[in-house]
C-alpha cells in the first residue's frame, strides 16, 4: 500500500493513504528513511518503509500542472 507524507509534527510523520479511504496514520519519524520529505510517496515492503522516487516525481508533476492550469 502506498502512503503520502502529509506533514511532520514533533518527530511524528502523518501519512495519508494514496488510495482512499482517508485516514491518517501516525509513525515516529525515525521509522522512515532519513531523506523523506513532505509530499513523498512511501511504500512499506517487508516491514521497511522506502520512498518511491518515481511515484513521488509523478505526483509532484501532476500537482504542479494542476496549479498551473488554475493560474491561467
PDB file of N, CA and C in Angstrom:
ATOM      1  N   UNK A   1       0.845  -1.183   0.000  1.00  0.00           N
ATOM      2  CA  UNK A   1       0.000   0.000   0.000  1.00  0.00           C
ATOM      3  C   UNK A   1       0.886   1.240   0.000  1.00  0.00           C
ATOM      4  N   UNK A   2       0.469   2.235  -0.750  1.00  0.00           N
ATOM      5  CA  UNK A   2       1.214   3.492  -0.817  1.00  0.00           C
ATOM      6  C   UNK A   2       0.612   4.523   0.135  1.00  0.00           C
ATOM      7  N   UNK A   3       1.470   5.330   0.700  1.00  0.00           N
ATOM      8  CA  UNK A   3       1.063   6.432   1.563  1.00  0.00           C
ATOM      9  C   UNK A   3       1.763   7.703   1.102  1.00  0.00           C
ATOM     10  N   UNK A   4       1.131   8.825   1.375  1.00  0.00           N
ATOM     11  CA  UNK A   4       1.706  10.139   1.094  1.00  0.00           C
ATOM     12  C   UNK A   4       2.051  10.786   2.433  1.00  0.00           C
ATOM     13  N   UNK A   5       3.249  11.356   2.530  1.00  0.00           N
ATOM     14  CA  UNK A   5       3.628  12.071   3.752  1.00  0.00           C
ATOM     15  C   UNK A   5       2.900  13.410   3.737  1.00  0.00           C
ATOM     16  N   UNK A   6       1.953  13.568   4.643  1.00  0.00           N
ATOM     17  CA  UNK A   6       1.202  14.819   4.731  1.00  0.00           C
ATOM     18  C   UNK A   6       2.044  15.897   5.413  1.00  0.00           C
ATOM     19  N   UNK A   7       2.595  15.541   6.578  1.00  0.00           N
ATOM     20  CA  UNK A   7       3.408  16.518   7.309  1.00  0.00           C
ATOM     21  C   UNK A   7       4.131  15.818   8.460  1.00  0.00           C
ATOM     22  N   UNK A   8       5.028  16.582   9.088  1.00  0.00           N
ATOM     23  CA  UNK A   8       5.737  16.125  10.278  1.00  0.00           C
ATOM     24  C   UNK A   8       5.358  17.037  11.429  1.00  0.00           C
ATOM     25  N   UNK A   9       5.113  16.451  12.573  1.00  0.00           N
ATOM     26  CA  UNK A   9       4.806  17.213  13.787  1.00  0.00           C
ATOM     27  C   UNK A   9       5.566  16.601  14.955  1.00  0.00           C
ATOM     28  N   UNK A  10       6.525  17.350  15.479  1.00  0.00           N
ATOM     29  CA  UNK A  10       7.268  16.943  16.672  1.00  0.00           C
ATOM     30  C   UNK A  10       7.745  15.498  16.621  1.00  0.00           C
ATOM     31  N   UNK A  11       8.446  15.147  15.553  1.00  0.00           N
ATOM     32  CA  UNK A  11       9.012  13.816  15.445  1.00  0.00           C
ATOM     33  C   UNK A  11       8.048  12.736  14.992  1.00  0.00           C
ATOM     34  N   UNK A  12       6.831  13.124  14.641  1.00  0.00           N
ATOM     35  CA  UNK A  12       5.819  12.182  14.159  1.00  0.00           C
ATOM     36  C   UNK A  12       5.525  12.494  12.692  1.00  0.00           C
ATOM     37  N   UNK A  13       5.470  11.452  11.881  1.00  0.00           N
ATOM     38  CA  UNK A  13       5.079  11.605  10.476  1.00  0.00           C
ATOM     39  C   UNK A  13       3.605  11.269  10.351  1.00  0.00           C
ATOM     40  N   UNK A  14       2.840  12.149   9.711  1.00  0.00           N
ATOM     41  CA  UNK A  14       1.424  11.899   9.455  1.00  0.00           C
ATOM     42  C   UNK A  14       1.287  11.498   7.997  1.00  0.00           C
ATOM     43  N   UNK A  15       0.764  10.297   7.776  1.00  0.00           N
ATOM     44  CA  UNK A  15       0.657   9.713   6.445  1.00  0.00           C
ATOM     45  C   UNK A  15      -0.799   9.540   6.064  1.00  0.00           C
ATOM     46  N   UNK A  16      -1.090   9.774   4.787  1.00  0.00           N
ATOM     47  CA  UNK A  16      -2.424   9.560   4.231  1.00  0.00           C
ATOM     48  C   UNK A  16      -2.324   8.463   3.184  1.00  0.00           C
ATOM     49  N   UNK A  17      -3.276   7.531   3.151  1.00  0.00           N
ATOM     50  CA  UNK A  17      -3.243   6.511   2.092  1.00  0.00           C
ATOM     51  C   UNK A  17      -3.349   7.164   0.722  1.00  0.00           C
ATOM     52  N   UNK A  18      -2.568   6.674  -0.242  1.00  0.00           N
ATOM     53  CA  UNK A  18      -2.609   7.227  -1.596  1.00  0.00           C
ATOM     54  C   UNK A  18      -3.957   6.949  -2.247  1.00  0.00           C
ATOM     55  N   UNK A  19      -4.564   5.843  -1.926  1.00  0.00           N
ATOM     56  CA  UNK A  19      -5.890   5.480  -2.436  1.00  0.00           C
ATOM     57  C   UNK A  19      -6.827   5.376  -1.235  1.00  0.00           C
ATOM     58  N   UNK A  20      -7.926   6.181  -1.210  1.00  0.00           N
ATOM     59  CA  UNK A  20      -8.877   6.234  -0.106  1.00  0.00           C
ATOM     60  C   UNK A  20      -8.931   4.975   0.735  1.00  0.00           C
ATOM     61  N   UNK A  21      -9.731   4.842   1.703  1.00  0.00           N
ATOM     62  CA  UNK A  21     -10.427   5.944   2.362  1.00  0.00           C
ATOM     63  C   UNK A  21      -9.445   6.786   3.183  1.00  0.00           C
ATOM     64  N   UNK A  22      -9.806   8.010   3.377  1.00  0.00           N
ATOM     65  CA  UNK A  22      -8.917   8.941   4.063  1.00  0.00           C
ATOM     66  C   UNK A  22      -8.866   8.639   5.559  1.00  0.00           C
ATOM     67  N   UNK A  23      -7.709   8.251   6.007  1.00  0.00           N
ATOM     68  CA  UNK A  23      -7.467   8.061   7.434  1.00  0.00           C
ATOM     69  C   UNK A  23      -5.991   8.337   7.669  1.00  0.00           C
ATOM     70  N   UNK A  24      -5.689   9.070   8.659  1.00  0.00           N
ATOM     71  CA  UNK A  24      -4.306   9.446   8.931  1.00  0.00           C
ATOM     72  C   UNK A  24      -3.623   8.376   9.765  1.00  0.00           C
ATOM     73  N   UNK A  25      -2.446   7.980   9.308  1.00  0.00           N
ATOM     74  CA  UNK A  25      -1.590   7.063  10.061  1.00  0.00           C
ATOM     75  C   UNK A  25      -0.475   7.900  10.670  1.00  0.00           C
ATOM     76  N   UNK A  26      -0.090   7.586  11.888  1.00  0.00           N
ATOM     77  CA  UNK A  26       0.992   8.304  12.545  1.00  0.00           C
ATOM     78  C   UNK A  26       2.124   7.332  12.857  1.00  0.00           C
ATOM     79  N   UNK A  27       3.335   7.740  12.493  1.00  0.00           N
ATOM     80  CA  UNK A  27       4.527   6.931  12.731  1.00  0.00           C
ATOM     81  C   UNK A  27       5.628   7.806  13.300  1.00  0.00           C
ATOM     82  N   UNK A  28       6.482   7.238  14.127  1.00  0.00           N
ATOM     83  CA  UNK A  28       7.667   8.005  14.529  1.00  0.00           C
ATOM     84  C   UNK A  28       8.510   8.314  13.296  1.00  0.00           C
ATOM     85  N   UNK A  29       8.991   9.511  13.201  1.00  0.00           N
ATOM     86  CA  UNK A  29       9.809   9.958  12.060  1.00  0.00           C
ATOM     87  C   UNK A  29      11.010   9.041  11.861  1.00  0.00           C
ATOM     88  N   UNK A  30      11.517   8.494  12.940  1.00  0.00           N
ATOM     89  CA  UNK A  30      12.703   7.649  12.890  1.00  0.00           C
ATOM     90  C   UNK A  30      12.478   6.335  12.146  1.00  0.00           C
ATOM     91  N   UNK A  31      11.232   5.944  11.903  1.00  0.00           N
ATOM     92  CA  UNK A  31      10.947   4.708  11.179  1.00  0.00           C
ATOM     93  C   UNK A  31      11.020   4.900   9.659  1.00  0.00           C
ATOM     94  N   UNK A  32      11.133   6.136   9.224  1.00  0.00           N
ATOM     95  CA  UNK A  32      11.163   6.436   7.789  1.00  0.00           C
ATOM     96  C   UNK A  32      12.590   6.716   7.345  1.00  0.00           C
ATOM     97  N   UNK A  33      12.867   6.575   6.038  1.00  0.00           N
ATOM     98  CA  UNK A  33      14.201   6.915   5.546  1.00  0.00           C
ATOM     99  C   UNK A  33      14.541   8.369   5.860  1.00  0.00           C
ATOM    100  N   UNK A  34      15.797   8.629   6.112  1.00  0.00           N
ATOM    101  CA  UNK A  34      16.242   9.974   6.502  1.00  0.00           C
ATOM    102  C   UNK A  34      15.890  11.024   5.463  1.00  0.00           C
ATOM    103  N   UNK A  35      15.854  10.641   4.177  1.00  0.00           N
ATOM    104  CA  UNK A  35      15.597  11.619   3.107  1.00  0.00           C
ATOM    105  C   UNK A  35      14.122  11.930   2.905  1.00  0.00           C
ATOM    106  N   UNK A  36      13.232  11.327   3.666  1.00  0.00           N
ATOM    107  CA  UNK A  36      11.795  11.514   3.485  1.00  0.00           C
ATOM    108  C   UNK A  36      11.388  12.963   3.702  1.00  0.00           C
ATOM    109  N   UNK A  37      10.590  13.480   2.738  1.00  0.00           N
ATOM    110  CA  UNK A  37      10.086  14.855   2.819  1.00  0.00           C
ATOM    111  C   UNK A  37       8.565  14.844   2.715  1.00  0.00           C
ATOM    112  N   UNK A  38       7.966  15.958   3.101  1.00  0.00           N
ATOM    113  CA  UNK A  38       6.510  16.102   2.940  1.00  0.00           C
ATOM    114  C   UNK A  38       6.169  15.962   1.469  1.00  0.00           C
ATOM    115  N   UNK A  39       5.099  15.226   1.183  1.00  0.00           N
ATOM    116  CA  UNK A  39       4.656  15.014  -0.180  1.00  0.00           C
ATOM    117  C   UNK A  39       5.227  13.764  -0.833  1.00  0.00           C
ATOM    118  N   UNK A  40       6.195  13.116  -0.186  1.00  0.00           N
ATOM    119  CA  UNK A  40       6.770  11.898  -0.743  1.00  0.00           C
ATOM    120  C   UNK A  40       5.763  10.758  -0.716  1.00  0.00           C
ATOM    121  N   UNK A  41       5.896   9.869  -1.692  1.00  0.00           N
ATOM    122  CA  UNK A  41       5.110   8.634  -1.719  1.00  0.00           C
ATOM    123  C   UNK A  41       5.957   7.570  -1.039  1.00  0.00           C
ATOM    124  N   UNK A  42       5.378   6.921  -0.035  1.00  0.00           N
ATOM    125  CA  UNK A  42       6.071   5.870   0.701  1.00  0.00           C
ATOM    126  C   UNK A  42       5.412   4.528   0.448  1.00  0.00           C
ATOM    127  N   UNK A  43       6.227   3.489   0.455  1.00  0.00           N
ATOM    128  CA  UNK A  43       5.749   2.123   0.292  1.00  0.00           C
ATOM    129  C   UNK A  43       6.355   1.295   1.414  1.00  0.00           C
ATOM    130  N   UNK A  44       5.538   0.436   2.013  1.00  0.00           N
ATOM    131  CA  UNK A  44       6.013  -0.475   3.048  1.00  0.00           C
ATOM    132  C   UNK A  44       6.275  -1.832   2.406  1.00  0.00           C
ATOM    133  N   UNK A  45       7.536  -2.265   2.417  1.00  0.00           N
ATOM    134  CA  UNK A  45       7.937  -3.548   1.837  1.00  0.00           C
ATOM    135  C   UNK A  45       8.750  -4.321   2.854  1.00  0.00           C
ATOM    136  N   UNK A  46       8.278  -5.511   3.193  1.00  0.00           N
ATOM    137  CA  UNK A  46       8.980  -6.357   4.167  1.00  0.00           C
ATOM    138  C   UNK A  46       9.249  -5.611   5.471  1.00  0.00           C
ATOM    139  N   UNK A  47       8.240  -4.873   5.931  1.00  0.00           N
ATOM    140  CA  UNK A  47       8.306  -4.101   7.178  1.00  0.00           C
ATOM    141  C   UNK A  47       9.327  -2.980   7.157  1.00  0.00           C
ATOM    142  N   UNK A  48       9.730  -2.536   5.950  1.00  0.00           N
ATOM    143  CA  UNK A  48      10.666  -1.422   5.816  1.00  0.00           C
ATOM    144  C   UNK A  48      10.040  -0.389   4.888  1.00  0.00           C
ATOM    145  N   UNK A  49      10.008   0.877   5.332  1.00  0.00           N
ATOM    146  CA  UNK A  49       9.482   1.957   4.520  1.00  0.00           C
ATOM    147  C   UNK A  49      10.539   2.414   3.535  1.00  0.00           C
ATOM    148  N   UNK A  50      10.104   2.706   2.297  1.00  0.00           N
ATOM    149  CA  UNK A  50      11.003   3.294   1.309  1.00  0.00           C
ATOM    150  C   UNK A  50      10.248   4.376   0.546  1.00  0.00           C
ATOM    151  N   UNK A  51      11.001   5.384   0.107  1.00  0.00           N
ATOM    152  CA  UNK A  51      10.432   6.444  -0.721  1.00  0.00           C
ATOM    153  C   UNK A  51      10.385   5.917  -2.147  1.00  0.00           C
ATOM    154  N   UNK A  52       9.218   6.004  -2.767  1.00  0.00           N
ATOM    155  CA  UNK A  52       9.071   5.640  -4.180  1.00  0.00           C
ATOM    156  C   UNK A  52       9.341   6.908  -4.984  1.00  0.00           C
ATOM    157  N   UNK A  53      10.588   7.053  -5.425  1.00  0.00           N
ATOM    158  CA  UNK A  53      11.014   8.284  -6.095  1.00  0.00           C
ATOM    159  C   UNK A  53      10.240   8.523  -7.388  1.00  0.00           C
ATOM    160  N   UNK A  54       9.973   7.477  -8.137  1.00  0.00           N
ATOM    161  CA  UNK A  54       9.250   7.625  -9.400  1.00  0.00           C
ATOM    162  C   UNK A  54       7.811   8.092  -9.161  1.00  0.00           C
ATOM    163  N   UNK A  55       7.133   7.466  -8.220  1.00  0.00           N
ATOM    164  CA  UNK A  55       5.756   7.864  -7.910  1.00  0.00           C
ATOM    165  C   UNK A  55       5.705   9.267  -7.317  1.00  0.00           C
ATOM    166  N   UNK A  56       6.701   9.607  -6.506  1.00  0.00           N
ATOM    167  CA  UNK A  56       6.760  10.950  -5.920  1.00  0.00           C
ATOM    168  C   UNK A  56       6.920  12.000  -7.011  1.00  0.00           C
ATOM    169  N   UNK A  57       7.828  11.756  -7.953  1.00  0.00           N
ATOM    170  CA  UNK A  57       8.052  12.717  -9.048  1.00  0.00           C
ATOM    171  C   UNK A  57       6.796  12.868  -9.901  1.00  0.00           C
ATOM    172  N   UNK A  58       6.129  11.762 -10.191  1.00  0.00           N
ATOM    173  CA  UNK A  58       4.903  11.826 -10.999  1.00  0.00           C
ATOM    174  C   UNK A  58       3.815  12.597 -10.259  1.00  0.00           C
ATOM    175  N   UNK A  59       3.697  12.364  -8.960  1.00  0.00           N
ATOM    176  CA  UNK A  59       2.680  13.072  -8.164  1.00  0.00           C
ATOM    177  C   UNK A  59       2.974  14.568  -8.120  1.00  0.00           C
ATOM    178  N   UNK A  60       4.226  14.935  -7.909  1.00  0.00           N
ATOM    179  CA  UNK A  60       4.583  16.356  -7.859  1.00  0.00           C
ATOM    180  C   UNK A  60       4.343  17.033  -9.199  1.00  0.00           C
ATOM    181  N   UNK A  61       4.657  16.335 -10.291  1.00  0.00           N
ATOM    182  CA  UNK A  61       4.426  16.886 -11.626  1.00  0.00           C
ATOM    183  C   UNK A  61       2.929  17.095 -11.868  1.00  0.00           C
ATOM    184  N   UNK A  62       2.122  16.129 -11.487  1.00  0.00           N
ATOM    185  CA  UNK A  62       0.668  16.238 -11.647  1.00  0.00           C
ATOM    186  C   UNK A  62       0.116  17.425 -10.864  1.00  0.00           C
ATOM    187  N   UNK A  63       0.575  17.596  -9.618  1.00  0.00           N
ATOM    188  CA  UNK A  63       0.122  18.719  -8.805  1.00  0.00           C
ATOM    189  C   UNK A  63       0.578  20.052  -9.391  1.00  0.00           C
ATOM    190  N   UNK A  64       1.829  20.084  -9.886  1.00  0.00           N
ATOM    191  CA  UNK A  64       2.354  21.315 -10.488  1.00  0.00           C
ATOM    192  C   UNK A  64       1.508  21.723 -11.689  1.00  0.00           C
ATOM    193  N   UNK A  65       1.166  20.762 -12.557  1.00  0.00           N
ATOM    194  CA  UNK A  65       0.345  21.062 -13.734  1.00  0.00           C
ATOM    195  C   UNK A  65      -1.048  21.529 -13.334  1.00  0.00           C
ATOM    196  N   UNK A  66      -1.606  20.932 -12.293  1.00  0.00           N
ATOM    197  CA  UNK A  66      -2.930  21.338 -11.827  1.00  0.00           C
ATOM    198  C   UNK A  66      -2.919  22.795 -11.367  1.00  0.00           C
ATOM    199  N   UNK A  67      -1.887  23.184 -10.610  1.00  0.00           N
ATOM    200  CA  UNK A  67      -1.812  24.563 -10.127  1.00  0.00           C
ATOM    201  C   UNK A  67      -1.532  25.540 -11.263  1.00  0.00           C
ATOM    202  N   UNK A  68      -0.760  25.119 -12.255  1.00  0.00           N
ATOM    203  CA  UNK A  68      -0.505  25.992 -13.400  1.00  0.00           C
ATOM    204  C   UNK A  68      -1.777  26.263 -14.174  1.00  0.00           C
ATOM    205  N   UNK A  69      -2.630  25.259 -14.337  1.00  0.00           N
ATOM    206  CA  UNK A  69      -3.915  25.446 -15.052  1.00  0.00           C
ATOM    207  C   UNK A  69      -4.817  26.403 -14.299  1.00  0.00           C
ATOM    208  N   UNK A  70      -4.788  26.370 -12.999  1.00  0.00           N
ATOM    209  CA  UNK A  70      -5.616  27.286 -12.209  1.00  0.00           C
ATOM    210  C   UNK A  70      -5.220  28.739 -12.405  1.00  0.00           C
ATOM    211  N   UNK A  71      -3.928  28.943 -12.664  1.00  0.00           N
ATOM    212  CA  UNK A  71      -3.414  30.308 -12.816  1.00  0.00           C
ATOM    213  C   UNK A  71      -3.662  30.907 -14.185  1.00  0.00           C
ATOM    214  N   UNK A  72      -4.168  30.116 -15.116  1.00  0.00           N
ATOM    215  CA  UNK A  72      -4.387  30.639 -16.480  1.00  0.00           C
ATOM    216  C   UNK A  72      -5.622  31.485 -16.567  1.00  0.00           C
TER     217      UNK A  72
END
